[in-house]
């Protein structure tokens, strides 16, 4: 972002604190970058999904007027509707704990890493609560016991 006289990083919103950018400005700038800069890794989760920043929030002072100051250093911007844009009715300041509860649903895996289908007789629940592939477990256990018996045989020699 360019400020007065085309100086990069210079701001005219009056929110600088002791020569440093306000945390709200850093948040605002990051929000724009995630939605517009295709070189960023995070772009695919924001701009790449069609999420944009409303026209009014192209101006930092309007963003600050709508959102108000950040309540604490633990707060960052949160979109209430994960598929919605950055706009006044869809954004609030929230902590990571609150944000962690507002996620897109994860796709349920239908195959294991080896390509076996995870359903019916081939599916089991592991002690840690995750789902597992019976075919892979049988192979892993067979290989494990084969190695054990080889080690025992080599020790007896």
Protein backbone atom coordinates (compact mmCIF):
# COMPACT_ATOMS: atom_id res chain seq x y z
CA UNK A 1 0.00 0.00 0.00
CA UNK A 2 1.27 3.45 -0.86
CA UNK A 3 0.66 6.56 1.19
CA UNK A 4 1.33 10.26 0.66
CA UNK A 5 3.87 10.99 -2.06
CA UNK A 6 3.87 7.35 -3.16
CA UNK A 7 5.88 6.26 -0.12
CA UNK A 8 5.39 2.52 0.53
CA UNK A 9 3.90 1.80 3.93
CA UNK A 10 3.13 5.46 4.71
CA UNK A 11 -0.38 5.82 6.10
CA UNK A 12 -2.67 8.79 6.46
CA UNK A 13 -5.29 7.32 8.78
CA UNK A 14 -3.78 8.66 11.99
CA UNK A 15 -3.52 5.26 13.68
CA UNK A 16 0.25 5.00 13.86
CA UNK A 17 1.47 4.31 17.36
CA UNK A 18 5.01 5.42 18.22
CA UNK A 19 6.10 5.17 14.61
CA UNK A 20 4.69 1.65 14.24
CA UNK A 21 1.66 0.53 12.31
CA UNK A 22 -1.48 -0.03 14.31
CA UNK A 23 -2.41 -3.72 14.69
CA UNK A 24 -5.73 -2.95 13.00
CA UNK A 25 -3.81 -1.66 9.97
CA UNK A 26 -1.71 -4.83 9.82
CA UNK A 27 -4.90 -6.89 9.95
CA UNK A 28 -6.52 -4.75 7.25
CA UNK A 29 -3.47 -5.03 5.01
CA UNK A 30 -3.27 -8.82 5.48
CA UNK A 31 -6.97 -9.14 4.69
CA UNK A 32 -6.43 -7.37 1.35
CA UNK A 33 -3.33 -9.42 0.55
CA UNK A 34 -5.05 -12.76 1.20
CA UNK A 35 -7.83 -11.79 -1.19
CA UNK A 36 -5.79 -10.22 -4.00
CA UNK A 37 -2.15 -11.41 -4.01
CA UNK A 38 -2.04 -14.65 -5.98
CA UNK A 39 1.60 -15.19 -4.96
CA UNK A 40 0.63 -15.79 -1.33
CA UNK A 41 0.13 -19.37 -0.14
CA UNK A 42 -3.08 -18.29 1.66
CA UNK A 43 -4.60 -16.81 -1.53
CA UNK A 44 -6.10 -20.19 -2.50
CA UNK A 45 -8.15 -20.18 0.72
CA UNK A 46 -9.42 -16.61 0.27
CA UNK A 47 -9.25 -14.86 -3.11
CA UNK A 48 -8.96 -18.21 -4.86
CA UNK A 49 -12.33 -19.20 -3.36
CA UNK A 50 -13.93 -15.94 -4.49
CA UNK A 51 -13.71 -14.15 -1.13
CA UNK A 52 -13.17 -10.42 -1.51
CA UNK A 53 -13.06 -7.20 0.49
CA UNK A 54 -16.04 -4.86 0.14
CA UNK A 55 -15.49 -1.59 -1.73
CA UNK A 56 -15.93 0.55 1.41
CA UNK A 57 -13.06 -1.28 3.14
CA UNK A 58 -10.56 -0.40 0.43
CA UNK A 59 -10.09 2.66 2.68
CA UNK A 60 -8.51 1.81 6.04
CA UNK A 61 -10.24 4.63 7.90
CA UNK A 62 -13.66 3.23 6.87
CA UNK A 63 -12.59 -0.26 7.97
CA UNK A 64 -11.50 1.13 11.35
CA UNK A 65 -14.75 3.11 11.71
CA UNK A 66 -16.83 -0.01 11.00
CA UNK A 67 -14.81 -2.52 13.06
CA UNK A 68 -13.55 -0.29 15.85
CA UNK A 69 -10.27 -0.90 17.65
CA UNK A 70 -9.13 -4.44 18.28
CA UNK A 71 -10.25 -5.41 21.84
CA UNK A 72 -6.95 -7.09 22.75
CA UNK A 73 -3.78 -8.45 21.12
CA UNK A 74 -5.42 -11.90 21.20
CA UNK A 75 -8.14 -10.76 18.76
CA UNK A 76 -8.02 -10.87 14.97
CA UNK A 77 -10.61 -10.46 12.23
CA UNK A 78 -13.19 -13.23 11.88
CA UNK A 79 -15.74 -13.78 9.12
CA UNK A 80 -18.98 -15.10 10.61
CA UNK A 81 -19.88 -16.78 7.32
CA UNK A 82 -16.74 -18.59 6.18
CA UNK A 83 -17.87 -18.40 2.56
CA UNK A 84 -18.80 -14.71 2.82
CA UNK A 85 -16.76 -11.65 1.97
CA UNK A 86 -14.93 -9.26 4.26
CA UNK A 87 -17.69 -6.70 4.90
CA UNK A 88 -19.24 -4.94 7.90
CA UNK A 89 -22.11 -7.36 8.49
CA UNK A 90 -19.90 -10.45 8.26
CA UNK A 91 -16.83 -9.49 10.33
CA UNK A 92 -16.05 -9.23 14.04
CA UNK A 93 -12.95 -9.24 16.24
CA UNK A 94 -12.50 -12.73 17.72
CA UNK A 95 -9.92 -14.82 19.56
CA UNK A 96 -8.33 -17.98 18.10
CA UNK A 97 -10.48 -20.08 20.43
CA UNK A 98 -13.67 -18.61 18.95
CA UNK A 99 -12.31 -18.78 15.40
CA UNK A 100 -11.38 -22.44 15.75
CA UNK A 101 -15.09 -23.27 16.04
CA UNK A 102 -15.93 -21.54 12.74
CA UNK A 103 -14.35 -23.78 10.11
CA UNK A 104 -15.40 -25.25 6.82
CA UNK A 105 -16.36 -28.92 7.18
CA UNK A 106 -13.54 -31.31 6.32
CA UNK A 107 -14.07 -33.87 3.62
CA UNK A 108 -14.26 -37.41 4.95
CA UNK A 109 -11.59 -39.66 3.43
CA UNK A 110 -13.02 -42.61 1.53
CA UNK A 111 -9.71 -44.41 0.85
CA UNK A 112 -6.52 -45.04 2.81
CA UNK A 113 -3.05 -43.96 1.65
CA UNK A 114 -2.63 -47.30 -0.18
CA UNK A 115 -5.93 -46.79 -2.04
CA UNK A 116 -8.07 -49.31 -0.13
CA UNK A 117 -11.70 -48.31 0.39
CA UNK A 118 -12.51 -47.24 3.95
CA UNK A 119 -15.93 -48.80 4.35
CA UNK A 120 -17.69 -51.98 5.43
CA UNK A 121 -15.48 -54.87 6.50
CA UNK A 122 -12.28 -52.98 5.66
CA UNK A 123 -12.93 -50.20 8.18
CA UNK A 124 -12.08 -50.28 11.88
CA UNK A 125 -11.87 -47.70 14.68
CA UNK A 126 -8.39 -47.27 16.11
CA UNK A 127 -7.86 -46.83 19.88
CA UNK A 128 -7.20 -43.09 19.28
CA UNK A 129 -10.66 -42.71 17.71
CA UNK A 130 -9.45 -42.39 14.11
CA UNK A 131 -10.57 -44.67 11.31
CA UNK A 132 -8.18 -47.29 9.95
CA UNK A 133 -7.82 -49.69 7.04
CA UNK A 134 -7.98 -53.38 7.98
CA UNK A 135 -6.08 -54.49 4.85
CA UNK A 136 -3.17 -52.17 5.65
CA UNK A 137 -3.22 -53.19 9.30
CA UNK A 138 -3.03 -56.90 8.38
CA UNK A 139 -0.11 -56.19 6.02
CA UNK A 140 1.69 -54.05 8.62
CA UNK A 141 1.25 -56.67 11.35
CA UNK A 142 2.38 -59.50 9.01
CA UNK A 143 5.52 -57.50 8.10
CA UNK A 144 6.15 -56.63 11.76
CA UNK A 145 6.02 -60.27 12.91
CA UNK A 146 8.13 -61.38 9.94
CA UNK A 147 10.85 -58.89 10.98
CA UNK A 148 10.56 -60.03 14.61
CA UNK A 149 11.03 -63.69 13.70
CA UNK A 150 14.03 -62.80 11.47
CA UNK A 151 15.63 -60.89 14.34
CA UNK A 152 15.07 -63.78 16.76
CA UNK A 153 16.51 -66.26 14.23
CA UNK A 154 19.60 -64.09 13.65
CA UNK A 155 20.16 -63.77 17.43
CA UNK A 156 20.14 -67.57 17.83
CA UNK A 157 22.96 -67.99 15.32
